[in-house]
Protein backbone atom coordinates (compact mmCIF):
# COMPACT_ATOMS: atom_id res chain seq x y z
CA MET A 1 -7.50 36.54 -22.51
CA ARG A 2 -10.67 34.88 -23.81
CA PRO A 3 -12.54 32.38 -21.61
CA GLN A 4 -11.89 29.61 -24.15
CA ASP A 5 -8.16 30.23 -23.77
CA LEU A 6 -8.32 29.64 -20.03
CA LEU A 7 -10.61 26.58 -19.92
CA ILE A 8 -11.67 24.31 -22.75
CA PRO A 9 -13.86 21.18 -22.78
CA THR A 10 -12.00 18.06 -23.91
CA PRO A 11 -12.89 14.34 -23.96
CA ALA A 12 -11.05 14.02 -20.64
CA GLY A 13 -12.90 16.94 -19.03
CA LEU A 14 -12.40 20.68 -18.62
CA PHE A 15 -8.75 21.51 -19.35
CA CYS A 16 -6.65 24.57 -18.53
CA PRO A 17 -3.88 24.69 -21.19
CA GLN A 18 -1.77 27.29 -19.37
CA GLY A 19 -2.07 25.57 -16.00
CA GLY A 20 -1.75 22.05 -17.42
CA PHE A 21 -4.57 20.67 -15.26
CA HIS A 22 -8.04 19.19 -15.73
CA ILE A 23 -11.11 19.77 -13.55
CA ASP A 24 -12.94 16.52 -12.66
CA PRO A 25 -11.36 14.55 -15.49
CA THR A 26 -13.19 11.46 -16.69
CA ARG A 27 -9.97 9.61 -17.50
CA PRO A 28 -6.50 9.51 -15.87
CA VAL A 29 -4.48 12.72 -16.36
CA ASP A 30 -1.23 14.17 -15.03
CA LYS A 31 -2.84 16.82 -12.80
CA ALA A 32 -6.48 16.73 -11.65
CA VAL A 33 -8.38 19.36 -9.68
CA ILE A 34 -11.35 17.58 -8.10
CA THR A 35 -14.56 19.32 -6.99
CA HIS A 36 -15.94 16.53 -4.76
CA GLY A 37 -15.81 12.83 -3.97
CA HIS A 38 -18.66 11.37 -6.03
CA SER A 39 -17.30 8.71 -8.36
CA ASP A 40 -18.44 10.44 -11.55
CA HIS A 41 -16.24 13.43 -10.63
CA ALA A 42 -13.46 11.83 -8.56
CA ARG A 43 -11.81 8.95 -10.36
CA PRO A 44 -8.57 7.15 -9.42
CA GLY A 45 -5.41 6.92 -11.48
CA HIS A 46 -4.32 10.56 -11.80
CA GLY A 47 -0.70 11.66 -11.38
CA THR A 48 -1.53 14.45 -8.91
CA VAL A 49 -4.86 15.29 -7.26
CA LEU A 50 -5.67 18.71 -5.80
CA ALA A 51 -8.82 18.79 -3.67
CA THR A 52 -10.14 19.72 -0.25
CA PRO A 53 -8.84 17.60 2.64
CA GLU A 54 -12.25 15.90 2.97
CA THR A 55 -12.43 15.01 -0.71
CA ILE A 56 -8.95 13.50 -0.57
CA ASP A 57 -9.98 11.48 2.50
CA ILE A 58 -13.13 10.29 0.73
CA MET A 59 -11.19 9.28 -2.38
CA ARG A 60 -8.76 7.35 -0.20
CA LEU A 61 -11.62 5.56 1.57
CA ARG A 62 -13.20 4.61 -1.74
CA TYR A 63 -10.15 3.75 -3.83
CA GLY A 64 -7.34 2.95 -1.39
CA ASP A 65 -4.08 4.68 -0.52
CA GLY A 66 -2.70 4.47 -4.05
CA PHE A 67 -5.62 6.24 -5.77
CA ALA A 68 -3.21 8.92 -7.14
CA GLY A 69 0.51 9.42 -7.56
CA SER A 70 0.42 12.35 -5.11
CA THR A 71 -2.13 14.63 -3.46
CA GLN A 72 -2.32 18.26 -2.40
CA ALA A 73 -5.00 19.31 0.07
CA ILE A 74 -6.43 22.80 -0.49
CA ALA A 75 -8.62 24.41 2.17
CA TYR A 76 -11.63 26.58 1.42
CA GLY A 77 -10.50 30.13 0.71
CA GLU A 78 -6.95 29.05 0.00
CA ALA A 79 -5.48 30.02 -3.37
CA VAL A 80 -2.65 28.29 -5.17
CA GLU A 81 -0.87 29.12 -8.40
CA ILE A 82 -0.29 26.54 -11.11
CA ASN A 83 1.94 27.74 -13.97
CA GLY A 84 0.74 31.30 -13.52
CA VAL A 85 -2.94 30.38 -13.13
CA GLY A 86 -4.66 31.09 -9.83
CA VAL A 87 -6.80 28.26 -8.48
CA GLY A 88 -9.11 28.73 -5.48
CA PHE A 89 -11.52 26.43 -3.67
CA HIS A 90 -14.91 27.68 -2.42
CA PRO A 91 -17.74 25.75 -0.72
CA ALA A 92 -20.30 24.23 -3.10
CA GLY A 93 -22.77 22.99 -0.47
CA HIS A 94 -23.20 19.69 -2.33
CA VAL A 95 -21.62 17.12 0.01
CA LEU A 96 -18.86 17.10 2.61
CA GLY A 97 -15.72 18.64 1.08
CA SER A 98 -17.39 19.76 -2.15
CA ALA A 99 -15.87 22.82 -3.79
CA GLN A 100 -16.36 25.25 -6.61
CA ILE A 101 -13.10 25.85 -8.45
CA ALA A 102 -12.20 29.47 -9.29
CA VAL A 103 -9.64 29.69 -12.11
CA GLU A 104 -8.01 33.10 -12.72
CA ALA A 105 -5.48 34.54 -15.16
CA GLU A 106 -4.91 38.00 -16.67
CA GLY A 107 -7.89 39.51 -14.87
CA LEU A 108 -10.35 36.82 -16.01
CA ARG A 109 -12.12 34.60 -13.47
CA ILE A 110 -14.02 31.44 -14.37
CA VAL A 111 -15.82 29.50 -11.65
CA ALA A 112 -16.50 25.80 -12.24
CA SER A 113 -19.27 24.93 -9.80
CA GLY A 114 -19.06 21.15 -9.98
CA ASP A 115 -22.30 19.99 -8.34
CA TYR A 116 -23.90 22.42 -5.89
CA LYS A 117 -26.95 23.39 -3.90
CA ASN A 118 -27.79 26.63 -2.13
CA VAL A 119 -30.05 25.30 0.62
CA SER A 120 -29.17 24.34 4.18
CA ASP A 121 -27.46 21.02 4.82
CA PRO A 122 -26.29 20.09 8.34
CA THR A 123 -23.53 17.85 6.95
CA CYS A 124 -21.51 20.27 4.81
CA VAL A 125 -20.30 23.86 4.60
CA PRO A 126 -22.93 26.11 2.96
CA PHE A 127 -22.64 27.21 -0.66
CA GLU A 128 -20.57 30.37 -1.13
CA LEU A 129 -21.43 32.76 -3.93
CA VAL A 130 -18.34 33.67 -5.95
CA ARG A 131 -18.52 36.61 -8.33
CA CYS A 132 -16.97 35.83 -11.68
CA ASP A 133 -16.83 36.61 -15.40
CA VAL A 134 -17.83 33.12 -16.52
CA PHE A 135 -19.86 30.68 -14.44
CA ILE A 136 -19.92 26.98 -15.27
CA THR A 137 -23.09 25.56 -13.80
CA GLU A 138 -24.49 22.07 -13.57
CA ALA A 139 -28.08 21.55 -14.73
CA THR A 140 -29.07 18.21 -13.21
CA PHE A 141 -32.49 19.65 -12.37
CA GLY A 142 -32.45 22.34 -15.03
CA LEU A 143 -36.17 22.36 -15.84
CA PRO A 144 -38.91 24.49 -14.20
CA VAL A 145 -40.78 21.36 -13.10
CA PHE A 146 -38.03 20.72 -10.54
CA ARG A 147 -38.82 22.86 -7.54
CA HIS A 148 -37.77 20.99 -4.41
CA PRO A 149 -39.82 21.27 -1.18
CA ALA A 150 -38.15 22.00 2.16
CA PRO A 151 -36.16 18.93 3.29
CA ALA A 152 -37.64 19.21 6.79
CA ALA A 153 -41.12 18.78 5.32
CA GLU A 154 -40.06 15.60 3.52
CA ILE A 155 -38.52 14.23 6.73
CA ALA A 156 -41.76 15.07 8.58
CA LYS A 157 -43.63 13.06 5.95
CA CYS A 158 -41.33 10.12 6.61
CA LEU A 159 -41.77 10.31 10.38
CA GLN A 160 -45.53 10.58 9.99
CA SER A 161 -45.44 7.32 8.07
CA VAL A 162 -43.36 5.74 10.84
CA THR A 163 -46.06 6.78 13.32
CA LEU A 164 -48.87 5.48 11.11
CA PHE A 165 -47.17 2.13 10.45
CA PRO A 166 -45.14 1.40 13.60
CA GLU A 167 -44.81 -2.31 12.78
CA ARG A 168 -43.27 -1.77 9.31
CA THR A 169 -39.60 -1.16 8.56
CA HIS A 170 -39.06 2.09 6.66
CA LEU A 171 -36.40 1.30 4.08
CA ILE A 172 -34.94 4.51 2.60
CA GLY A 173 -32.81 4.41 -0.53
CA ALA A 174 -30.13 7.10 -0.37
CA TYR A 175 -26.84 7.55 -2.19
CA SER A 176 -23.85 6.44 -0.17
CA LEU A 177 -21.94 9.73 -0.11
CA GLY A 178 -23.74 12.77 1.22
CA LYS A 179 -27.40 11.92 0.77
CA ALA A 180 -27.55 9.07 3.30
CA GLN A 181 -25.71 11.06 5.96
CA ARG A 182 -27.80 14.16 5.31
CA VAL A 183 -30.99 12.14 5.80
CA MET A 184 -29.63 10.81 9.10
CA ALA A 185 -28.80 14.32 10.30
CA LEU A 186 -32.21 15.63 9.22
CA LEU A 187 -33.92 12.81 11.11
CA ARG A 188 -31.97 13.77 14.23
CA GLU A 189 -32.84 17.45 13.77
CA ALA A 190 -36.50 16.42 13.58
CA GLY A 191 -36.22 14.69 16.96
CA TYR A 192 -35.89 11.05 15.90
CA ARG A 193 -33.77 9.38 18.60
CA ARG A 194 -34.08 5.66 17.88
CA PRO A 195 -31.15 3.79 16.30
CA ILE A 196 -30.83 4.18 12.54
CA TYR A 197 -29.85 0.99 10.76
CA LEU A 198 -27.44 0.92 7.82
CA HIS A 199 -26.81 -1.35 4.87
CA GLY A 200 -23.16 -2.40 4.98
CA ALA A 201 -22.32 -0.43 1.83
CA LEU A 202 -22.96 2.79 3.76
CA GLU A 203 -20.77 1.95 6.73
CA THR A 204 -17.36 3.32 5.72
CA LEU A 205 -18.46 6.76 4.58
CA THR A 206 -21.02 7.10 7.36
CA ARG A 207 -18.36 6.43 10.00
CA TYR A 208 -16.26 9.19 8.42
CA TYR A 209 -19.21 11.60 8.65
CA ALA A 210 -20.12 10.46 12.17
CA ALA A 211 -16.69 11.55 13.39
CA ARG A 212 -17.60 15.11 12.31
CA PHE A 213 -21.37 15.36 12.83
CA ASP A 214 -23.81 14.07 15.44
CA LEU A 215 -25.69 11.31 13.62
CA GLY A 216 -26.88 9.62 16.79
CA GLU A 217 -26.88 5.87 17.37
CA LEU A 218 -26.13 3.89 14.21
CA LYS A 219 -26.35 0.13 13.78
CA LEU A 220 -25.70 -2.25 10.91
CA VAL A 221 -28.52 -4.36 9.54
CA ARG A 222 -26.36 -7.45 9.50
CA GLY A 223 -26.71 -9.21 12.83
CA ALA A 224 -30.04 -7.51 13.67
CA THR A 225 -33.10 -9.68 14.14
CA LYS A 226 -36.32 -9.24 12.18
CA ASP A 227 -38.03 -8.13 15.41
CA GLU A 228 -35.39 -5.44 15.98
CA LEU A 229 -35.86 -4.13 12.44
CA ALA A 230 -39.66 -4.05 12.64
CA GLY A 231 -40.63 -0.37 12.92
CA ALA A 232 -37.03 0.79 12.41
CA ILE A 233 -35.64 3.23 9.83
CA VAL A 234 -33.06 1.59 7.57
CA LEU A 235 -30.90 3.38 5.01
CA ALA A 236 -29.47 1.57 2.00
CA PRO A 237 -28.08 2.28 -1.47
CA PRO A 238 -30.92 2.67 -4.01
CA SER A 239 -29.90 -0.50 -5.86
CA ALA A 240 -30.50 -2.51 -2.66
CA LEU A 241 -34.20 -1.65 -2.71
CA LYS A 242 -34.79 -4.31 -5.36
CA ASP A 243 -32.27 -6.81 -4.01
CA VAL A 244 -32.97 -10.08 -2.21
CA TRP A 245 -31.43 -8.31 0.79
CA THR A 246 -34.84 -6.69 1.43
CA ARG A 247 -36.41 -10.06 2.25
CA ARG A 248 -35.13 -9.79 5.80
CA PHE A 249 -37.70 -7.04 6.50
CA SER A 250 -41.36 -7.64 7.25
CA ASP A 251 -43.63 -5.68 4.91
CA PRO A 252 -41.21 -2.74 4.48
CA VAL A 253 -42.28 0.75 3.41
CA THR A 254 -39.97 1.49 0.49
CA ALA A 255 -38.80 5.11 0.31
CA PHE A 256 -36.28 6.90 -1.89
CA ALA A 257 -34.62 10.24 -1.09
CA SER A 258 -33.91 11.97 -4.41
CA GLY A 259 -34.78 15.06 -6.39
CA TRP A 260 -36.10 12.71 -9.07
CA MET A 261 -38.96 11.81 -6.75
CA ARG A 262 -40.57 15.06 -7.87
CA ILE A 263 -41.63 13.00 -10.90
CA ARG A 264 -44.33 10.75 -9.46
CA ALA A 265 -44.30 8.43 -12.46
CA ARG A 266 -40.64 7.73 -11.79
CA ALA A 267 -41.45 6.82 -8.19
CA ARG A 268 -44.24 4.48 -9.28
CA GLN A 269 -42.07 2.81 -11.91
CA GLY A 270 -39.40 2.21 -9.27
CA GLY A 271 -41.90 0.70 -6.82
CA VAL A 272 -41.32 3.52 -4.34
CA GLU A 273 -44.16 3.74 -1.84
CA LEU A 274 -42.86 6.83 -0.04
CA PRO A 275 -41.06 9.29 -2.36
CA LEU A 276 -38.93 11.82 -0.48
CA VAL A 277 -37.94 14.83 -2.58
CA ILE A 278 -34.55 15.52 -1.01
CA SER A 279 -31.80 16.55 -3.40
CA ASP A 280 -28.15 17.48 -3.08
CA HIS A 281 -28.40 19.54 -6.27
CA ALA A 282 -29.89 22.98 -6.85
CA ASP A 283 -33.42 22.96 -8.21
CA TRP A 284 -34.58 25.22 -11.05
CA ASP A 285 -35.08 28.23 -8.77
CA GLY A 286 -31.70 27.64 -7.14
CA LEU A 287 -29.96 27.40 -10.49
CA ILE A 288 -31.36 30.59 -11.97
CA ALA A 289 -30.88 32.53 -8.71
CA THR A 290 -27.25 31.47 -8.53
CA VAL A 291 -26.54 32.20 -12.19
CA ALA A 292 -27.96 35.71 -11.79
CA ALA A 293 -26.17 36.42 -8.50
CA THR A 294 -22.68 35.53 -9.77
CA GLY A 295 -22.70 38.59 -12.02
CA ALA A 296 -21.20 36.48 -14.81
CA SER A 297 -21.83 37.74 -18.33
CA GLU A 298 -21.19 34.31 -19.80
CA ILE A 299 -22.69 31.01 -18.61
CA TRP A 300 -21.52 27.53 -19.57
CA VAL A 301 -23.96 24.74 -18.76
CA THR A 302 -23.03 21.11 -18.23
CA HIS A 303 -24.38 17.67 -17.25
CA GLY A 304 -28.12 17.92 -17.15
CA ALA A 305 -30.96 19.74 -18.90
CA GLU A 306 -28.50 22.08 -20.58
CA GLU A 307 -30.67 23.59 -23.31
CA ALA A 308 -33.44 24.89 -21.02
CA LEU A 309 -31.02 26.78 -18.80
CA VAL A 310 -29.09 28.09 -21.81
CA ARG A 311 -32.36 29.43 -23.23
CA TRP A 312 -33.26 31.07 -19.92
CA CYS A 313 -29.89 32.85 -19.92
CA GLU A 314 -30.24 34.00 -23.53
CA LEU A 315 -33.66 35.50 -22.85
CA ARG A 316 -32.02 37.63 -20.17
CA GLY A 317 -29.20 38.87 -22.35
CA LEU A 318 -26.52 36.52 -21.03
CA GLU A 319 -24.18 34.74 -23.39
CA ALA A 320 -24.62 31.03 -22.75
CA ARG A 321 -23.68 27.70 -24.25
CA PRO A 322 -23.99 24.00 -23.41
CA LEU A 323 -20.75 22.10 -22.96
CA HIS A 324 -22.20 18.69 -23.93
CA MET A 325 -19.71 16.92 -21.68
CA VAL A 326 -20.18 13.21 -21.02
CA GLY A 327 -19.26 10.94 -18.15
CA TYR A 328 -21.20 12.55 -15.31
CA GLY A 329 -24.20 10.85 -13.67
CA ASP A 330 -27.59 12.36 -12.89
CA GLU A 331 -27.75 12.93 -9.14
CA ASN A 332 -25.06 10.29 -8.69
CA GLU A 333 -27.20 7.38 -9.82
CA SER A 334 -24.00 5.63 -10.92
CA ASP A 335 -22.59 6.27 -7.47
CA ASP A 336 -24.97 4.47 -5.14
CA ASP A 337 -22.86 1.38 -4.45
CA ALA A 338 -19.36 2.84 -4.58
CA ALA A 339 -17.15 1.55 -1.78
CA GLY A 340 -18.32 -0.13 1.36
CA THR A 341 -18.66 -3.50 2.97
CA ALA A 342 -21.05 -6.34 2.32
CA PRO A 343 -24.64 -5.97 3.47
């Protein structure tokens, strides 16, 4: 069997003809295998959804009970068979419940990584390397300029600013699923014990995380006085940083937790005073290390800086090609306001 017989890119997403399922389809399909809960990968309206229990929970929280005709929860390490095709779920280290999908038939294994990172994250299961014949990798930060610093160092930078400006609210933009909760956990690991305040759009998913991880004392911004918020750390969706909602804070320090903050011009253009380079995607070094470690002889590259990573593979004797698939955001920028309550 050739790789292109097992998985093919289609307008609806990666499709397995023999198995009759799509991986992270961008439009409603009969059977969808979902890597994780971000809205550019996990859309409602499918006939059947197969995903980790956490991803199914997250989809239900975001889209309601009727987000799919039926669901099947698959645990990490569990393998199922769909029309003679083996399908396995392995930790991707991206966000809570994120999975790489291993698809196997006739001795051929293809691993679709979804989004992933191979650095420590206190709010999800670590990335698991899966040996395979073909590896489908994301390339969100697929350029050598993207080399992310240690998250703890970025959190230390934030807390130093809090110490230097104790009267100013530190308003951190962070995506609603995964990034915001990771920042909270990193703050706690760094010894920050004061209440962390949340924009209402973060409440639902953060409560789900807080039932599984120690995020400390959390409070909603709504109902808090300006005096209470002075000197506090507040997390909000990135879009809220430019909203009238911010007028309730006195002289806030505007921060943004994102891998894109490596590009200082982007931070300046966005009016970000305190850029925090914290990403839930692998950086350039993480991408090339993972590609090499899988042992795959063929690499398919999707959603991101595809050509640079393809070229890197070719220079090392690996067969590689870009998939040119559309419908996936860059570090979930389309995802920052999905689901939640009013501010």
